[in-house]
Each structure stands twice: as structure tokens, then as C-alpha cells.
Amino acid sequence: MLNIDLEKNGNGLTFILSGRLDTTTAPELEEQLKKELDGVEELVFDFADLEYISSAGLRVLLSAQKIMNKQGSMKVINSSEEINEIFEVTGFSDILTIE
């Protein structure tokens, strides 16, 4: 199960995710991103309450990063030690801005 909350702030957008970002829930996030990213210059993913991310979730982050490379910036904040470890092992810590 994944909960997605959005906070808009001018041309900034924060996706606040809680639960699990996996094969089942990644398409839902991808769909929301497609709808919301128009005109966004600063995209933030808040992972404070995200428990797990799978390769499907990483793929969604990667495609969001590719879009944001063209129109602004993207960062991941408040990710847990477990999720940071996944970013390290997969090399995503080199691709994403993680704070």
C-alpha cells in the first residue's frame, strides 16, 4: 500500500510518500507524476514515511529525474537508512540528489 500526498508551492511540487513503493504501487505514482509535472521546476520526494522501495519504484524515480533534468531540479529528502542503502547499492545515490 502506498499513500501519495502532494504539496504545491508556486512552481515547486512535493510528493510525500508513505508505505511501500513496489511493483504494485509504482504505476500509481508514475500516473500521478505524468499528471502533475507540467511546469514544475522543483520536484521533491519526501520519503520520511516510506518503508520500502523496489526496482519498479527506482525506475519511476529515474524517469522523473530524466524529466526534471530538462525542466528544473529534483531531490529526495528524509529517506530512511534502509532506503539510502538501496540507493547506495544500486548506484542511485550517484544519480539522485539525496538530502
N, C-alpha and C. Protein backbone atom coordinates (compact mmCIF):
# COMPACT_ATOMS: atom_id res chain seq x y z
N MET A 1 0.84 -1.19 0.00
CA MET A 1 0.00 0.00 0.00
C MET A 1 0.89 1.25 0.00
N LEU A 2 0.49 2.22 -0.81
CA LEU A 2 1.23 3.47 -0.91
C LEU A 2 0.26 4.63 -0.80
N ASN A 3 0.60 5.58 0.07
CA ASN A 3 -0.17 6.83 0.14
C ASN A 3 0.66 7.92 -0.50
N ILE A 4 0.02 8.72 -1.35
CA ILE A 4 0.69 9.82 -2.02
C ILE A 4 -0.02 11.12 -1.66
N ASP A 5 0.71 12.02 -1.02
CA ASP A 5 0.17 13.36 -0.75
C ASP A 5 1.00 14.36 -1.55
N LEU A 6 0.32 15.38 -2.05
CA LEU A 6 1.00 16.39 -2.85
C LEU A 6 0.96 17.74 -2.14
N GLU A 7 2.06 18.46 -2.20
CA GLU A 7 2.10 19.84 -1.71
C GLU A 7 2.64 20.70 -2.82
N LYS A 8 1.82 21.64 -3.29
CA LYS A 8 2.27 22.54 -4.34
C LYS A 8 2.68 23.86 -3.72
N ASN A 9 3.78 24.42 -4.25
CA ASN A 9 4.27 25.69 -3.74
C ASN A 9 4.84 26.46 -4.93
N GLY A 10 4.02 27.30 -5.55
CA GLY A 10 4.45 28.00 -6.76
C GLY A 10 4.77 26.99 -7.84
N ASN A 11 6.01 27.02 -8.36
CA ASN A 11 6.38 26.01 -9.35
C ASN A 11 7.18 24.87 -8.74
N GLY A 12 7.02 24.72 -7.41
CA GLY A 12 7.60 23.58 -6.70
C GLY A 12 6.51 22.58 -6.37
N LEU A 13 6.89 21.32 -6.34
CA LEU A 13 5.92 20.26 -6.03
C LEU A 13 6.62 19.22 -5.17
N THR A 14 5.96 18.86 -4.05
CA THR A 14 6.49 17.81 -3.18
C THR A 14 5.55 16.63 -3.17
N PHE A 15 6.10 15.45 -3.44
CA PHE A 15 5.37 14.20 -3.31
C PHE A 15 5.75 13.60 -1.97
N ILE A 16 4.77 13.48 -1.07
CA ILE A 16 5.02 12.89 0.24
C ILE A 16 4.50 11.46 0.18
N LEU A 17 5.43 10.51 0.25
CA LEU A 17 5.06 9.11 0.09
C LEU A 17 5.14 8.37 1.42
N SER A 18 4.15 7.52 1.66
CA SER A 18 4.22 6.66 2.84
C SER A 18 3.75 5.27 2.45
N GLY A 19 4.38 4.27 3.08
CA GLY A 19 4.05 2.88 2.76
C GLY A 19 5.15 2.25 1.93
N ARG A 20 4.73 1.50 0.89
CA ARG A 20 5.68 0.75 0.07
C ARG A 20 5.57 1.17 -1.39
N LEU A 21 6.73 1.48 -1.98
CA LEU A 21 6.78 1.80 -3.40
C LEU A 21 7.36 0.57 -4.10
N ASP A 22 6.46 -0.25 -4.66
CA ASP A 22 6.90 -1.51 -5.26
C ASP A 22 6.17 -1.75 -6.59
N THR A 23 6.27 -2.96 -7.09
CA THR A 23 5.69 -3.30 -8.39
C THR A 23 4.20 -2.98 -8.45
N THR A 24 3.51 -3.17 -7.34
CA THR A 24 2.07 -2.94 -7.29
C THR A 24 1.72 -1.45 -7.29
N THR A 25 2.52 -0.65 -6.58
CA THR A 25 2.16 0.76 -6.37
C THR A 25 2.90 1.74 -7.28
N ALA A 26 4.01 1.31 -7.89
CA ALA A 26 4.79 2.20 -8.76
C ALA A 26 3.97 2.80 -9.91
N PRO A 27 3.10 1.99 -10.58
CA PRO A 27 2.32 2.58 -11.68
C PRO A 27 1.43 3.74 -11.23
N GLU A 28 0.93 3.66 -10.01
CA GLU A 28 0.09 4.72 -9.44
C GLU A 28 0.89 6.03 -9.31
N LEU A 29 2.13 5.92 -8.80
CA LEU A 29 2.99 7.09 -8.66
C LEU A 29 3.35 7.64 -10.04
N GLU A 30 3.65 6.75 -10.97
CA GLU A 30 4.01 7.15 -12.32
C GLU A 30 2.87 7.94 -12.98
N GLU A 31 1.66 7.47 -12.78
CA GLU A 31 0.47 8.13 -13.33
C GLU A 31 0.32 9.54 -12.75
N GLN A 32 0.49 9.66 -11.44
CA GLN A 32 0.37 10.98 -10.79
C GLN A 32 1.45 11.93 -11.25
N LEU A 33 2.67 11.42 -11.42
CA LEU A 33 3.77 12.25 -11.90
C LEU A 33 3.45 12.80 -13.28
N LYS A 34 2.95 11.94 -14.16
CA LYS A 34 2.61 12.38 -15.52
C LYS A 34 1.61 13.53 -15.48
N LYS A 35 0.65 13.43 -14.58
CA LYS A 35 -0.40 14.45 -14.48
C LYS A 35 0.13 15.76 -13.92
N GLU A 36 1.07 15.68 -12.98
CA GLU A 36 1.44 16.84 -12.17
C GLU A 36 2.70 17.60 -12.62
N LEU A 37 3.57 16.98 -13.41
CA LEU A 37 4.89 17.57 -13.64
C LEU A 37 4.94 18.75 -14.60
N ASP A 38 3.85 19.02 -15.29
CA ASP A 38 3.84 20.13 -16.24
C ASP A 38 4.13 21.45 -15.54
N GLY A 39 5.20 22.14 -15.93
CA GLY A 39 5.50 23.45 -15.36
C GLY A 39 6.21 23.41 -14.02
N VAL A 40 6.48 22.22 -13.50
CA VAL A 40 7.17 22.10 -12.21
C VAL A 40 8.66 22.30 -12.42
N GLU A 41 9.26 23.18 -11.62
CA GLU A 41 10.70 23.43 -11.75
C GLU A 41 11.49 22.82 -10.61
N GLU A 42 10.80 22.57 -9.49
CA GLU A 42 11.48 21.93 -8.36
C GLU A 42 10.61 20.80 -7.84
N LEU A 43 11.09 19.57 -8.02
CA LEU A 43 10.35 18.39 -7.58
C LEU A 43 11.07 17.80 -6.38
N VAL A 44 10.28 17.53 -5.32
CA VAL A 44 10.84 16.95 -4.10
C VAL A 44 10.06 15.69 -3.77
N PHE A 45 10.76 14.63 -3.44
CA PHE A 45 10.14 13.42 -2.91
C PHE A 45 10.48 13.35 -1.43
N ASP A 46 9.45 13.37 -0.58
CA ASP A 46 9.66 13.25 0.87
C ASP A 46 9.39 11.79 1.26
N PHE A 47 10.46 11.10 1.66
CA PHE A 47 10.37 9.67 1.97
C PHE A 47 10.36 9.39 3.46
N ALA A 48 9.99 10.40 4.29
CA ALA A 48 10.02 10.21 5.75
C ALA A 48 9.24 8.97 6.18
N ASP A 49 8.11 8.69 5.52
CA ASP A 49 7.28 7.56 5.92
C ASP A 49 7.27 6.44 4.89
N LEU A 50 8.25 6.45 3.98
CA LEU A 50 8.34 5.37 3.01
C LEU A 50 9.13 4.22 3.63
N GLU A 51 8.52 3.03 3.64
CA GLU A 51 9.15 1.88 4.30
C GLU A 51 10.03 1.08 3.36
N TYR A 52 9.70 1.09 2.06
CA TYR A 52 10.36 0.18 1.13
C TYR A 52 10.29 0.73 -0.28
N ILE A 53 11.34 0.50 -1.06
CA ILE A 53 11.31 0.85 -2.48
C ILE A 53 11.91 -0.31 -3.26
N SER A 54 11.22 -0.74 -4.33
CA SER A 54 11.70 -1.84 -5.16
C SER A 54 12.29 -1.28 -6.45
N SER A 55 12.74 -2.17 -7.31
CA SER A 55 13.30 -1.74 -8.59
C SER A 55 12.26 -1.00 -9.42
N ALA A 56 11.00 -1.38 -9.29
CA ALA A 56 9.93 -0.67 -10.01
C ALA A 56 9.82 0.77 -9.52
N GLY A 57 9.96 0.98 -8.23
CA GLY A 57 9.94 2.32 -7.66
C GLY A 57 11.15 3.13 -8.10
N LEU A 58 12.31 2.47 -8.14
CA LEU A 58 13.53 3.14 -8.60
C LEU A 58 13.38 3.59 -10.05
N ARG A 59 12.74 2.76 -10.86
CA ARG A 59 12.53 3.09 -12.27
C ARG A 59 11.68 4.36 -12.41
N VAL A 60 10.65 4.49 -11.57
CA VAL A 60 9.80 5.69 -11.60
C VAL A 60 10.63 6.93 -11.20
N LEU A 61 11.47 6.79 -10.18
CA LEU A 61 12.34 7.91 -9.78
C LEU A 61 13.28 8.30 -10.90
N LEU A 62 13.81 7.30 -11.59
CA LEU A 62 14.74 7.57 -12.69
C LEU A 62 14.05 8.32 -13.83
N SER A 63 12.85 7.91 -14.17
CA SER A 63 12.14 8.61 -15.25
C SER A 63 11.75 10.02 -14.83
N ALA A 64 11.41 10.21 -13.55
CA ALA A 64 11.12 11.57 -13.05
C ALA A 64 12.38 12.42 -13.11
N GLN A 65 13.53 11.83 -12.77
CA GLN A 65 14.79 12.56 -12.80
C GLN A 65 15.11 13.00 -14.23
N LYS A 66 14.87 12.13 -15.20
CA LYS A 66 15.13 12.47 -16.60
C LYS A 66 14.28 13.65 -17.05
N ILE A 67 13.02 13.66 -16.64
CA ILE A 67 12.11 14.78 -16.98
C ILE A 67 12.61 16.06 -16.32
N MET A 68 12.94 15.96 -15.02
CA MET A 68 13.33 17.15 -14.27
C MET A 68 14.70 17.68 -14.71
N ASN A 69 15.56 16.83 -15.28
CA ASN A 69 16.84 17.32 -15.81
C ASN A 69 16.59 18.37 -16.89
N LYS A 70 15.47 18.24 -17.60
CA LYS A 70 15.14 19.17 -18.68
C LYS A 70 14.44 20.43 -18.18
N GLN A 71 13.70 20.31 -17.07
CA GLN A 71 12.86 21.46 -16.67
C GLN A 71 13.15 22.01 -15.28
N GLY A 72 14.14 21.48 -14.59
CA GLY A 72 14.42 22.01 -13.26
C GLY A 72 15.25 21.06 -12.43
N SER A 73 14.88 20.92 -11.16
CA SER A 73 15.67 20.08 -10.25
C SER A 73 14.76 19.09 -9.52
N MET A 74 15.39 18.04 -9.02
CA MET A 74 14.66 17.03 -8.25
C MET A 74 15.54 16.58 -7.11
N LYS A 75 14.92 16.37 -5.94
CA LYS A 75 15.68 15.82 -4.82
C LYS A 75 14.80 14.90 -3.98
N VAL A 76 15.47 14.02 -3.25
CA VAL A 76 14.81 13.10 -2.32
C VAL A 76 15.22 13.53 -0.93
N ILE A 77 14.24 13.70 -0.05
CA ILE A 77 14.55 14.10 1.33
C ILE A 77 13.98 13.09 2.33
N ASN A 78 14.56 13.07 3.51
CA ASN A 78 14.06 12.29 4.65
C ASN A 78 13.99 10.79 4.39
N SER A 79 14.89 10.24 3.56
CA SER A 79 14.82 8.80 3.34
C SER A 79 15.50 8.06 4.49
N SER A 80 14.98 6.89 4.79
CA SER A 80 15.48 6.09 5.91
C SER A 80 16.84 5.48 5.57
N GLU A 81 17.47 4.94 6.58
CA GLU A 81 18.76 4.27 6.39
C GLU A 81 18.63 3.11 5.41
N GLU A 82 17.54 2.35 5.52
CA GLU A 82 17.32 1.19 4.63
C GLU A 82 17.20 1.64 3.18
N ILE A 83 16.44 2.71 2.96
CA ILE A 83 16.25 3.20 1.59
C ILE A 83 17.54 3.83 1.06
N ASN A 84 18.27 4.54 1.91
CA ASN A 84 19.57 5.08 1.49
C ASN A 84 20.53 3.96 1.09
N GLU A 85 20.44 2.84 1.81
CA GLU A 85 21.28 1.70 1.49
C GLU A 85 20.93 1.14 0.11
N ILE A 86 19.64 1.09 -0.20
CA ILE A 86 19.20 0.64 -1.53
C ILE A 86 19.74 1.60 -2.60
N PHE A 87 19.68 2.90 -2.33
CA PHE A 87 20.22 3.89 -3.27
C PHE A 87 21.72 3.66 -3.48
N GLU A 88 22.45 3.37 -2.39
CA GLU A 88 23.89 3.13 -2.48
C GLU A 88 24.20 1.89 -3.33
N VAL A 89 23.55 0.78 -3.00
CA VAL A 89 23.82 -0.50 -3.66
C VAL A 89 23.50 -0.43 -5.16
N THR A 90 22.44 0.29 -5.51
CA THR A 90 22.01 0.34 -6.91
C THR A 90 22.70 1.45 -7.70
N GLY A 91 23.48 2.28 -7.00
CA GLY A 91 24.15 3.38 -7.69
C GLY A 91 23.27 4.61 -7.85
N PHE A 92 22.06 4.56 -7.32
CA PHE A 92 21.14 5.68 -7.44
C PHE A 92 21.62 6.90 -6.64
N SER A 93 22.46 6.65 -5.63
CA SER A 93 22.98 7.76 -4.84
C SER A 93 23.86 8.67 -5.70
N ASP A 94 24.38 8.13 -6.82
CA ASP A 94 25.17 8.94 -7.75
C ASP A 94 24.29 9.70 -8.74
N ILE A 95 23.06 9.22 -8.94
CA ILE A 95 22.17 9.79 -9.95
C ILE A 95 21.25 10.84 -9.33
N LEU A 96 20.75 10.54 -8.13
CA LEU A 96 19.76 11.39 -7.48
C LEU A 96 20.42 12.35 -6.49
N THR A 97 19.75 13.46 -6.25
CA THR A 97 20.16 14.36 -5.17
C THR A 97 19.41 13.92 -3.92
N ILE A 98 20.14 13.45 -2.94
CA ILE A 98 19.53 12.91 -1.71
C ILE A 98 19.98 13.78 -0.55
N GLU A 99 19.01 14.32 0.19
CA GLU A 99 19.35 15.18 1.33
C GLU A 99 18.79 14.60 2.61
